[in-house]
Amino acid sequence: MKLLPLTRNPRPVEPMGSGVANGIEMAGAVLVLFFIGFGLDHWLGTTPWITLACTAVGIVGTFAKAWYGYGSEMDRHAAARRASATTSVARVDEHS
């Protein structure tokens, strides 16, 4: 019996991998800042103020990064789409 050759998937799983990576990065940043604040609070005896401040900075920062990252990604997609549309219009004009 002969085995069939393995076919490569022409579409990478980038969108899912990117989303998972972004989620881990967001949670990780908030947790790191939380623990930094917790450690500083414990050391300085200011419980819970530095913990709350660091956690808030982490949450706001990760959402700001996601907001601006999403905007730049959409701008990149729009530019690629415009480039694709002008290329396809040029091809149609060439065949006319």
PDB file of N, CA and C in Angstrom:
ATOM      1  N   MET A   1       0.839  -1.159   0.000  1.00  0.00           N
ATOM      2  CA  MET A   1       0.000   0.000   0.000  1.00  0.00           C
ATOM      3  C   MET A   1       0.895   1.237   0.000  1.00  0.00           C
ATOM      4  N   LYS A   2       0.582   2.171  -0.899  1.00  0.00           N
ATOM      5  CA  LYS A   2       1.370   3.390  -1.017  1.00  0.00           C
ATOM      6  C   LYS A   2       0.667   4.523  -0.263  1.00  0.00           C
ATOM      7  N   LEU A   3       1.435   5.252   0.542  1.00  0.00           N
ATOM      8  CA  LEU A   3       0.866   6.364   1.288  1.00  0.00           C
ATOM      9  C   LEU A   3       0.781   7.597   0.403  1.00  0.00           C
ATOM     10  N   LEU A   4      -0.261   8.357   0.602  1.00  0.00           N
ATOM     11  CA  LEU A   4      -0.419   9.595  -0.149  1.00  0.00           C
ATOM     12  C   LEU A   4       0.511  10.657   0.424  1.00  0.00           C
ATOM     13  N   PRO A   5       1.014  11.538  -0.416  1.00  0.00           N
ATOM     14  CA  PRO A   5       1.887  12.599   0.103  1.00  0.00           C
ATOM     15  C   PRO A   5       1.084  13.574   0.971  1.00  0.00           C
ATOM     16  N   LEU A   6       1.757  14.114   1.957  1.00  0.00           N
ATOM     17  CA  LEU A   6       1.107  15.095   2.813  1.00  0.00           C
ATOM     18  C   LEU A   6       0.957  16.407   2.054  1.00  0.00           C
ATOM     19  N   THR A   7      -0.205  16.975   2.108  1.00  0.00           N
ATOM     20  CA  THR A   7      -0.416  18.269   1.458  1.00  0.00           C
ATOM     21  C   THR A   7      -0.247  19.371   2.493  1.00  0.00           C
ATOM     22  N   ARG A   8       0.301  20.464   2.035  1.00  0.00           N
ATOM     23  CA  ARG A   8       0.480  21.611   2.930  1.00  0.00           C
ATOM     24  C   ARG A   8      -0.792  22.450   2.913  1.00  0.00           C
ATOM     25  N   ASN A   9      -1.113  22.973   4.072  1.00  0.00           N
ATOM     26  CA  ASN A   9      -2.272  23.841   4.170  1.00  0.00           C
ATOM     27  C   ASN A   9      -1.900  25.205   3.595  1.00  0.00           C
ATOM     28  N   PRO A  10      -2.540  25.640   2.513  1.00  0.00           N
ATOM     29  CA  PRO A  10      -2.156  26.915   1.905  1.00  0.00           C
ATOM     30  C   PRO A  10      -2.549  28.124   2.746  1.00  0.00           C
ATOM     31  N   ARG A  11      -3.463  27.943   3.691  1.00  0.00           N
ATOM     32  CA  ARG A  11      -3.898  29.053   4.531  1.00  0.00           C
ATOM     33  C   ARG A  11      -3.371  28.853   5.947  1.00  0.00           C
ATOM     34  N   PRO A  12      -2.428  29.663   6.360  1.00  0.00           N
ATOM     35  CA  PRO A  12      -1.894  29.504   7.713  1.00  0.00           C
ATOM     36  C   PRO A  12      -2.942  29.858   8.757  1.00  0.00           C
ATOM     37  N   VAL A  13      -2.729  29.408   9.955  1.00  0.00           N
ATOM     38  CA  VAL A  13      -3.674  29.621  11.045  1.00  0.00           C
ATOM     39  C   VAL A  13      -3.298  30.892  11.807  1.00  0.00           C
ATOM     40  N   GLU A  14      -2.823  31.887  11.102  1.00  0.00           N
ATOM     41  CA  GLU A  14      -2.339  33.115  11.727  1.00  0.00           C
ATOM     42  C   GLU A  14      -3.401  33.843  12.545  1.00  0.00           C
ATOM     43  N   PRO A  15      -4.634  34.018  12.053  1.00  0.00           N
ATOM     44  CA  PRO A  15      -5.588  34.793  12.842  1.00  0.00           C
ATOM     45  C   PRO A  15      -5.837  34.212  14.228  1.00  0.00           C
ATOM     46  N   MET A  16      -5.952  32.896  14.324  1.00  0.00           N
ATOM     47  CA  MET A  16      -6.178  32.296  15.632  1.00  0.00           C
ATOM     48  C   MET A  16      -4.940  32.431  16.501  1.00  0.00           C
ATOM     49  N   GLY A  17      -3.775  32.178  15.941  1.00  0.00           N
ATOM     50  CA  GLY A  17      -2.542  32.287  16.704  1.00  0.00           C
ATOM     51  C   GLY A  17      -2.295  33.703  17.172  1.00  0.00           C
ATOM     52  N   SER A  18      -2.623  34.664  16.338  1.00  0.00           N
ATOM     53  CA  SER A  18      -2.447  36.060  16.701  1.00  0.00           C
ATOM     54  C   SER A  18      -3.388  36.439  17.835  1.00  0.00           C
ATOM     55  N   GLY A  19      -4.612  35.980  17.782  1.00  0.00           N
ATOM     56  CA  GLY A  19      -5.578  36.278  18.838  1.00  0.00           C
ATOM     57  C   GLY A  19      -5.188  35.669  20.165  1.00  0.00           C
ATOM     58  N   VAL A  20      -4.724  34.437  20.131  1.00  0.00           N
ATOM     59  CA  VAL A  20      -4.286  33.775  21.361  1.00  0.00           C
ATOM     60  C   VAL A  20      -3.076  34.495  21.936  1.00  0.00           C
ATOM     61  N   ALA A  21      -2.141  34.859  21.086  1.00  0.00           N
ATOM     62  CA  ALA A  21      -0.951  35.576  21.555  1.00  0.00           C
ATOM     63  C   ALA A  21      -1.324  36.924  22.157  1.00  0.00           C
ATOM     64  N   ASN A  22      -2.256  37.629  21.526  1.00  0.00           N
ATOM     65  CA  ASN A  22      -2.691  38.917  22.070  1.00  0.00           C
ATOM     66  C   ASN A  22      -3.380  38.749  23.417  1.00  0.00           C
ATOM     67  N   GLY A  23      -4.190  37.725  23.561  1.00  0.00           N
ATOM     68  CA  GLY A  23      -4.862  37.475  24.836  1.00  0.00           C
ATOM     69  C   GLY A  23      -3.889  37.151  25.949  1.00  0.00           C
ATOM     70  N   ILE A  24      -2.904  36.329  25.645  1.00  0.00           N
ATOM     71  CA  ILE A  24      -1.892  35.986  26.648  1.00  0.00           C
ATOM     72  C   ILE A  24      -1.081  37.213  27.015  1.00  0.00           C
ATOM     73  N   GLU A  25      -0.751  38.028  26.018  1.00  0.00           N
ATOM     74  CA  GLU A  25       0.005  39.255  26.282  1.00  0.00           C
ATOM     75  C   GLU A  25      -0.790  40.215  27.164  1.00  0.00           C
ATOM     76  N   MET A  26      -2.085  40.349  26.893  1.00  0.00           N
ATOM     77  CA  MET A  26      -2.918  41.246  27.700  1.00  0.00           C
ATOM     78  C   MET A  26      -3.008  40.759  29.143  1.00  0.00           C
ATOM     79  N   ALA A  27      -3.303  39.489  29.317  1.00  0.00           N
ATOM     80  CA  ALA A  27      -3.415  38.949  30.673  1.00  0.00           C
ATOM     81  C   ALA A  27      -2.076  38.994  31.386  1.00  0.00           C
ATOM     82  N   GLY A  28      -1.016  38.682  30.675  1.00  0.00           N
ATOM     83  CA  GLY A  28       0.316  38.689  31.282  1.00  0.00           C
ATOM     84  C   GLY A  28       0.740  40.066  31.744  1.00  0.00           C
ATOM     85  N   ALA A  29       0.473  41.080  30.933  1.00  0.00           N
ATOM     86  CA  ALA A  29       0.853  42.449  31.311  1.00  0.00           C
ATOM     87  C   ALA A  29       0.101  42.899  32.554  1.00  0.00           C
ATOM     88  N   VAL A  30      -1.193  42.603  32.613  1.00  0.00           N
ATOM     89  CA  VAL A  30      -1.981  42.989  33.789  1.00  0.00           C
ATOM     90  C   VAL A  30      -1.488  42.240  35.022  1.00  0.00           C
ATOM     91  N   LEU A  31      -1.215  40.951  34.878  1.00  0.00           N
ATOM     92  CA  LEU A  31      -0.740  40.171  36.029  1.00  0.00           C
ATOM     93  C   LEU A  31       0.627  40.632  36.513  1.00  0.00           C
ATOM     94  N   VAL A  32       1.522  40.926  35.586  1.00  0.00           N
ATOM     95  CA  VAL A  32       2.859  41.394  35.983  1.00  0.00           C
ATOM     96  C   VAL A  32       2.749  42.703  36.748  1.00  0.00           C
ATOM     97  N   LEU A  33       1.963  43.640  36.228  1.00  0.00           N
ATOM     98  CA  LEU A  33       1.809  44.916  36.923  1.00  0.00           C
ATOM     99  C   LEU A  33       1.086  44.744  38.258  1.00  0.00           C
ATOM    100  N   PHE A  34       0.133  43.822  38.317  1.00  0.00           N
ATOM    101  CA  PHE A  34      -0.537  43.541  39.587  1.00  0.00           C
ATOM    102  C   PHE A  34       0.468  43.069  40.631  1.00  0.00           C
ATOM    103  N   PHE A  35       1.312  42.117  40.256  1.00  0.00           N
ATOM    104  CA  PHE A  35       2.272  41.581  41.224  1.00  0.00           C
ATOM    105  C   PHE A  35       3.355  42.600  41.586  1.00  0.00           C
ATOM    106  N   ILE A  36       3.735  43.456  40.650  1.00  0.00           N
ATOM    107  CA  ILE A  36       4.672  44.533  40.990  1.00  0.00           C
ATOM    108  C   ILE A  36       4.026  45.458  42.020  1.00  0.00           C
ATOM    109  N   GLY A  37       2.783  45.840  41.778  1.00  0.00           N
ATOM    110  CA  GLY A  37       2.071  46.687  42.734  1.00  0.00           C
ATOM    111  C   GLY A  37       1.878  46.012  44.072  1.00  0.00           C
ATOM    112  N   PHE A  38       1.567  44.727  44.048  1.00  0.00           N
ATOM    113  CA  PHE A  38       1.381  43.973  45.290  1.00  0.00           C
ATOM    114  C   PHE A  38       2.679  43.940  46.089  1.00  0.00           C
ATOM    115  N   GLY A  39       3.785  43.702  45.398  1.00  0.00           N
ATOM    116  CA  GLY A  39       5.082  43.675  46.080  1.00  0.00           C
ATOM    117  C   GLY A  39       5.454  45.034  46.654  1.00  0.00           C
ATOM    118  N   LEU A  40       5.231  46.090  45.887  1.00  0.00           N
ATOM    119  CA  LEU A  40       5.518  47.435  46.388  1.00  0.00           C
ATOM    120  C   LEU A  40       4.616  47.787  47.573  1.00  0.00           C
ATOM    121  N   ASP A  41       3.345  47.413  47.499  1.00  0.00           N
ATOM    122  CA  ASP A  41       2.435  47.661  48.621  1.00  0.00           C
ATOM    123  C   ASP A  41       2.891  46.934  49.875  1.00  0.00           C
ATOM    124  N   HIS A  42       3.289  45.697  49.713  1.00  0.00           N
ATOM    125  CA  HIS A  42       3.756  44.910  50.863  1.00  0.00           C
ATOM    126  C   HIS A  42       5.017  45.533  51.454  1.00  0.00           C
ATOM    127  N   TRP A  43       5.917  45.970  50.599  1.00  0.00           N
ATOM    128  CA  TRP A  43       7.193  46.540  51.035  1.00  0.00           C
ATOM    129  C   TRP A  43       6.997  47.905  51.699  1.00  0.00           C
ATOM    130  N   LEU A  44       6.124  48.743  51.116  1.00  0.00           N
ATOM    131  CA  LEU A  44       5.923  50.098  51.621  1.00  0.00           C
ATOM    132  C   LEU A  44       4.784  50.214  52.636  1.00  0.00           C
ATOM    133  N   GLY A  45       3.975  49.170  52.769  1.00  0.00           N
ATOM    134  CA  GLY A  45       2.865  49.188  53.715  1.00  0.00           C
ATOM    135  C   GLY A  45       1.713  50.084  53.287  1.00  0.00           C
ATOM    136  N   THR A  46       1.489  50.211  51.999  1.00  0.00           N
ATOM    137  CA  THR A  46       0.433  51.088  51.494  1.00  0.00           C
ATOM    138  C   THR A  46      -0.735  50.312  50.902  1.00  0.00           C
ATOM    139  N   THR A  47      -0.942  49.116  51.354  1.00  0.00           N
ATOM    140  CA  THR A  47      -1.967  48.230  50.794  1.00  0.00           C
ATOM    141  C   THR A  47      -3.307  48.938  50.727  1.00  0.00           C
ATOM    142  N   PRO A  48      -4.062  48.856  49.708  1.00  0.00           N
ATOM    143  CA  PRO A  48      -3.937  48.251  48.385  1.00  0.00           C
ATOM    144  C   PRO A  48      -3.689  49.263  47.277  1.00  0.00           C
ATOM    145  N   TRP A  49      -3.268  50.471  47.606  1.00  0.00           N
ATOM    146  CA  TRP A  49      -3.286  51.567  46.639  1.00  0.00           C
ATOM    147  C   TRP A  49      -2.345  51.364  45.457  1.00  0.00           C
ATOM    148  N   ILE A  50      -1.136  50.948  45.675  1.00  0.00           N
ATOM    149  CA  ILE A  50      -0.211  50.769  44.545  1.00  0.00           C
ATOM    150  C   ILE A  50      -0.648  49.578  43.690  1.00  0.00           C
ATOM    151  N   THR A  51      -1.175  48.540  44.337  1.00  0.00           N
ATOM    152  CA  THR A  51      -1.685  47.391  43.588  1.00  0.00           C
ATOM    153  C   THR A  51      -2.809  47.828  42.658  1.00  0.00           C
ATOM    154  N   LEU A  52      -3.745  48.608  43.182  1.00  0.00           N
ATOM    155  CA  LEU A  52      -4.858  49.081  42.354  1.00  0.00           C
ATOM    156  C   LEU A  52      -4.373  49.983  41.226  1.00  0.00           C
ATOM    157  N   ALA A  53      -3.438  50.868  41.529  1.00  0.00           N
ATOM    158  CA  ALA A  53      -2.924  51.782  40.504  1.00  0.00           C
ATOM    159  C   ALA A  53      -2.194  51.020  39.404  1.00  0.00           C
ATOM    160  N   CYS A  54      -1.336  50.087  39.784  1.00  0.00           N
ATOM    161  CA  CYS A  54      -0.591  49.315  38.775  1.00  0.00           C
ATOM    162  C   CYS A  54      -1.531  48.455  37.936  1.00  0.00           C
ATOM    163  N   THR A  55      -2.539  47.860  38.572  1.00  0.00           N
ATOM    164  CA  THR A  55      -3.497  47.047  37.831  1.00  0.00           C
ATOM    165  C   THR A  55      -4.286  47.910  36.852  1.00  0.00           C
ATOM    166  N   ALA A  56      -4.702  49.097  37.296  1.00  0.00           N
ATOM    167  CA  ALA A  56      -5.435  50.003  36.406  1.00  0.00           C
ATOM    168  C   ALA A  56      -4.568  50.434  35.230  1.00  0.00           C
ATOM    169  N   VAL A  57      -3.307  50.735  35.488  1.00  0.00           N
ATOM    170  CA  VAL A  57      -2.387  51.110  34.403  1.00  0.00           C
ATOM    171  C   VAL A  57      -2.235  49.944  33.425  1.00  0.00           C
ATOM    172  N   GLY A  58      -2.134  48.724  33.945  1.00  0.00           N
ATOM    173  CA  GLY A  58      -2.018  47.552  33.082  1.00  0.00           C
ATOM    174  C   GLY A  58      -3.242  47.350  32.214  1.00  0.00           C
ATOM    175  N   ILE A  59      -4.424  47.511  32.797  1.00  0.00           N
ATOM    176  CA  ILE A  59      -5.664  47.326  32.035  1.00  0.00           C
ATOM    177  C   ILE A  59      -5.807  48.404  30.969  1.00  0.00           C
ATOM    178  N   VAL A  60      -5.614  49.656  31.356  1.00  0.00           N
ATOM    179  CA  VAL A  60      -5.739  50.757  30.396  1.00  0.00           C
ATOM    180  C   VAL A  60      -4.687  50.624  29.292  1.00  0.00           C
ATOM    181  N   GLY A  61      -3.473  50.268  29.672  1.00  0.00           N
ATOM    182  CA  GLY A  61      -2.404  50.128  28.686  1.00  0.00           C
ATOM    183  C   GLY A  61      -2.657  49.016  27.687  1.00  0.00           C
ATOM    184  N   THR A  62      -3.137  47.872  28.156  1.00  0.00           N
ATOM    185  CA  THR A  62      -3.387  46.767  27.229  1.00  0.00           C
ATOM    186  C   THR A  62      -4.546  47.081  26.295  1.00  0.00           C
ATOM    187  N   PHE A  63      -5.582  47.745  26.805  1.00  0.00           N
ATOM    188  CA  PHE A  63      -6.690  48.097  25.919  1.00  0.00           C
ATOM    189  C   PHE A  63      -6.298  49.191  24.933  1.00  0.00           C
ATOM    190  N   ALA A  64      -5.456  50.129  25.355  1.00  0.00           N
ATOM    191  CA  ALA A  64      -4.969  51.147  24.420  1.00  0.00           C
ATOM    192  C   ALA A  64      -4.125  50.504  23.327  1.00  0.00           C
ATOM    193  N   LYS A  65      -3.279  49.555  23.716  1.00  0.00           N
ATOM    194  CA  LYS A  65      -2.455  48.855  22.726  1.00  0.00           C
ATOM    195  C   LYS A  65      -3.338  48.069  21.755  1.00  0.00           C
ATOM    196  N   ALA A  66      -4.373  47.410  22.282  1.00  0.00           N
ATOM    197  CA  ALA A  66      -5.284  46.661  21.416  1.00  0.00           C
ATOM    198  C   ALA A  66      -6.042  47.602  20.482  1.00  0.00           C
ATOM    199  N   TRP A  67      -6.480  48.742  20.994  1.00  0.00           N
ATOM    200  CA  TRP A  67      -7.229  49.717  20.191  1.00  0.00           C
ATOM    201  C   TRP A  67      -6.385  50.239  19.031  1.00  0.00           C
ATOM    202  N   TYR A  68      -5.184  50.703  19.343  1.00  0.00           N
ATOM    203  CA  TYR A  68      -4.330  51.256  18.295  1.00  0.00           C
ATOM    204  C   TYR A  68      -3.789  50.163  17.372  1.00  0.00           C
ATOM    205  N   GLY A  69      -3.531  48.982  17.910  1.00  0.00           N
ATOM    206  CA  GLY A  69      -3.087  47.869  17.072  1.00  0.00           C
ATOM    207  C   GLY A  69      -4.161  47.443  16.091  1.00  0.00           C
ATOM    208  N   TYR A  70      -5.416  47.406  16.563  1.00  0.00           N
ATOM    209  CA  TYR A  70      -6.531  47.058  15.688  1.00  0.00           C
ATOM    210  C   TYR A  70      -6.691  48.108  14.593  1.00  0.00           C
ATOM    211  N   GLY A  71      -6.571  49.383  14.966  1.00  0.00           N
ATOM    212  CA  GLY A  71      -6.695  50.464  13.980  1.00  0.00           C
ATOM    213  C   GLY A  71      -5.632  50.377  12.903  1.00  0.00           C
ATOM    214  N   SER A  72      -4.398  50.132  13.302  1.00  0.00           N
ATOM    215  CA  SER A  72      -3.326  50.039  12.304  1.00  0.00           C
ATOM    216  C   SER A  72      -3.485  48.795  11.437  1.00  0.00           C
ATOM    217  N   GLU A  73      -3.975  47.708  12.020  1.00  0.00           N
ATOM    218  CA  GLU A  73      -4.207  46.486  11.244  1.00  0.00           C
ATOM    219  C   GLU A  73      -5.311  46.713  10.207  1.00  0.00           C
ATOM    220  N   MET A  74      -6.364  47.403  10.593  1.00  0.00           N
ATOM    221  CA  MET A  74      -7.447  47.697   9.651  1.00  0.00           C
ATOM    222  C   MET A  74      -6.982  48.652   8.555  1.00  0.00           C
ATOM    223  N   ASP A  75      -6.132  49.619   8.899  1.00  0.00           N
ATOM    224  CA  ASP A  75      -5.568  50.510   7.881  1.00  0.00           C
ATOM    225  C   ASP A  75      -4.726  49.726   6.879  1.00  0.00           C
ATOM    226  N   ARG A  76      -3.957  48.753   7.390  1.00  0.00           N
ATOM    227  CA  ARG A  76      -3.132  47.924   6.509  1.00  0.00           C
ATOM    228  C   ARG A  76      -4.012  47.089   5.580  1.00  0.00           C
ATOM    229  N   HIS A  77      -5.095  46.519   6.128  1.00  0.00           N
ATOM    230  CA  HIS A  77      -6.012  45.733   5.294  1.00  0.00           C
ATOM    231  C   HIS A  77      -6.697  46.610   4.246  1.00  0.00           C
ATOM    232  N   ALA A  78      -7.084  47.820   4.636  1.00  0.00           N
ATOM    233  CA  ALA A  78      -7.738  48.727   3.688  1.00  0.00           C
ATOM    234  C   ALA A  78      -6.782  49.107   2.561  1.00  0.00           C
ATOM    235  N   ALA A  79      -5.523  49.359   2.901  1.00  0.00           N
ATOM    236  CA  ALA A  79      -4.536  49.702   1.874  1.00  0.00           C
ATOM    237  C   ALA A  79      -4.315  48.527   0.926  1.00  0.00           C
ATOM    238  N   ALA A  80      -4.245  47.321   1.471  1.00  0.00           N
ATOM    239  CA  ALA A  80      -4.071  46.134   0.625  1.00  0.00           C
ATOM    240  C   ALA A  80      -5.285  45.936  -0.270  1.00  0.00           C
ATOM    241  N   ARG A  81      -6.453  46.210   0.269  1.00  0.00           N
ATOM    242  CA  ARG A  81      -7.672  46.062  -0.517  1.00  0.00           C
ATOM    243  C   ARG A  81      -7.740  47.086  -1.646  1.00  0.00           C
ATOM    244  N   ARG A  82      -7.343  48.335  -1.339  1.00  0.00           N
ATOM    245  CA  ARG A  82      -7.317  49.364  -2.382  1.00  0.00           C
ATOM    246  C   ARG A  82      -6.313  49.000  -3.472  1.00  0.00           C
ATOM    247  N   ALA A  83      -5.157  48.496  -3.063  1.00  0.00           N
ATOM    248  CA  ALA A  83      -4.141  48.099  -4.042  1.00  0.00           C
ATOM    249  C   ALA A  83      -4.654  46.956  -4.906  1.00  0.00           C
ATOM    250  N   SER A  84      -5.356  46.017  -4.292  1.00  0.00           N
ATOM    251  CA  SER A  84      -5.913  44.892  -5.032  1.00  0.00           C
ATOM    252  C   SER A  84      -6.998  45.364  -5.995  1.00  0.00           C
ATOM    253  N   ALA A  85      -7.809  46.313  -5.572  1.00  0.00           N
ATOM    254  CA  ALA A  85      -8.892  46.817  -6.426  1.00  0.00           C
ATOM    255  C   ALA A  85      -8.333  47.567  -7.627  1.00  0.00           C
ATOM    256  N   THR A  86      -7.302  48.375  -7.427  1.00  0.00           N
ATOM    257  CA  THR A  86      -6.728  49.107  -8.565  1.00  0.00           C
ATOM    258  C   THR A  86      -6.033  48.155  -9.522  1.00  0.00           C
ATOM    259  N   THR A  87      -5.434  47.097  -9.007  1.00  0.00           N
ATOM    260  CA  THR A  87      -4.785  46.107  -9.867  1.00  0.00           C
ATOM    261  C   THR A  87      -5.823  45.369 -10.696  1.00  0.00           C
ATOM    262  N   SER A  88      -6.945  44.981 -10.079  1.00  0.00           N
ATOM    263  CA  SER A  88      -7.961  44.244 -10.828  1.00  0.00           C
ATOM    264  C   SER A  88      -8.649  45.147 -11.847  1.00  0.00           C
ATOM    265  N   VAL A  89      -8.825  46.435 -11.541  1.00  0.00           N
ATOM    266  CA  VAL A  89      -9.406  47.363 -12.510  1.00  0.00           C
ATOM    267  C   VAL A  89      -8.464  47.530 -13.689  1.00  0.00           C
ATOM    268  N   ALA A  90      -7.173  47.618 -13.435  1.00  0.00           N
ATOM    269  CA  ALA A  90      -6.195  47.754 -14.516  1.00  0.00           C
ATOM    270  C   ALA A  90      -6.210  46.514 -15.402  1.00  0.00           C
ATOM    271  N   ARG A  91      -6.371  45.354 -14.816  1.00  0.00           N
ATOM    272  CA  ARG A  91      -6.404  44.122 -15.608  1.00  0.00           C
ATOM    273  C   ARG A  91      -7.644  44.079 -16.490  1.00  0.00           C
ATOM    274  N   VAL A  92      -8.776  44.527 -15.961  1.00  0.00           N
ATOM    275  CA  VAL A  92     -10.004  44.544 -16.749  1.00  0.00           C
ATOM    276  C   VAL A  92      -9.853  45.513 -17.910  1.00  0.00           C
ATOM    277  N   ASP A  93      -9.252  46.678 -17.669  1.00  0.00           N
ATOM    278  CA  ASP A  93      -9.054  47.660 -18.730  1.00  0.00           C
ATOM    279  C   ASP A  93      -8.116  47.139 -19.816  1.00  0.00           C
ATOM    280  N   GLU A  94      -7.122  46.351 -19.441  1.00  0.00           N
ATOM    281  CA  GLU A  94      -6.177  45.813 -20.418  1.00  0.00           C
ATOM    282  C   GLU A  94      -6.863  44.848 -21.372  1.00  0.00           C
ATOM    283  N   HIS A  95      -7.836  44.082 -20.863  1.00  0.00           N
ATOM    284  CA  HIS A  95      -8.502  43.077 -21.688  1.00  0.00           C
ATOM    285  C   HIS A  95      -9.638  43.666 -22.517  1.00  0.00           C
ATOM    286  N   SER A  96     -10.028  44.880 -22.264  1.00  0.00           N
ATOM    287  CA  SER A  96     -11.147  45.497 -22.996  1.00  0.00           C
ATOM    288  C   SER A  96     -10.734  45.942 -24.374  1.00  0.00           C
TER     289      SER A  96
END
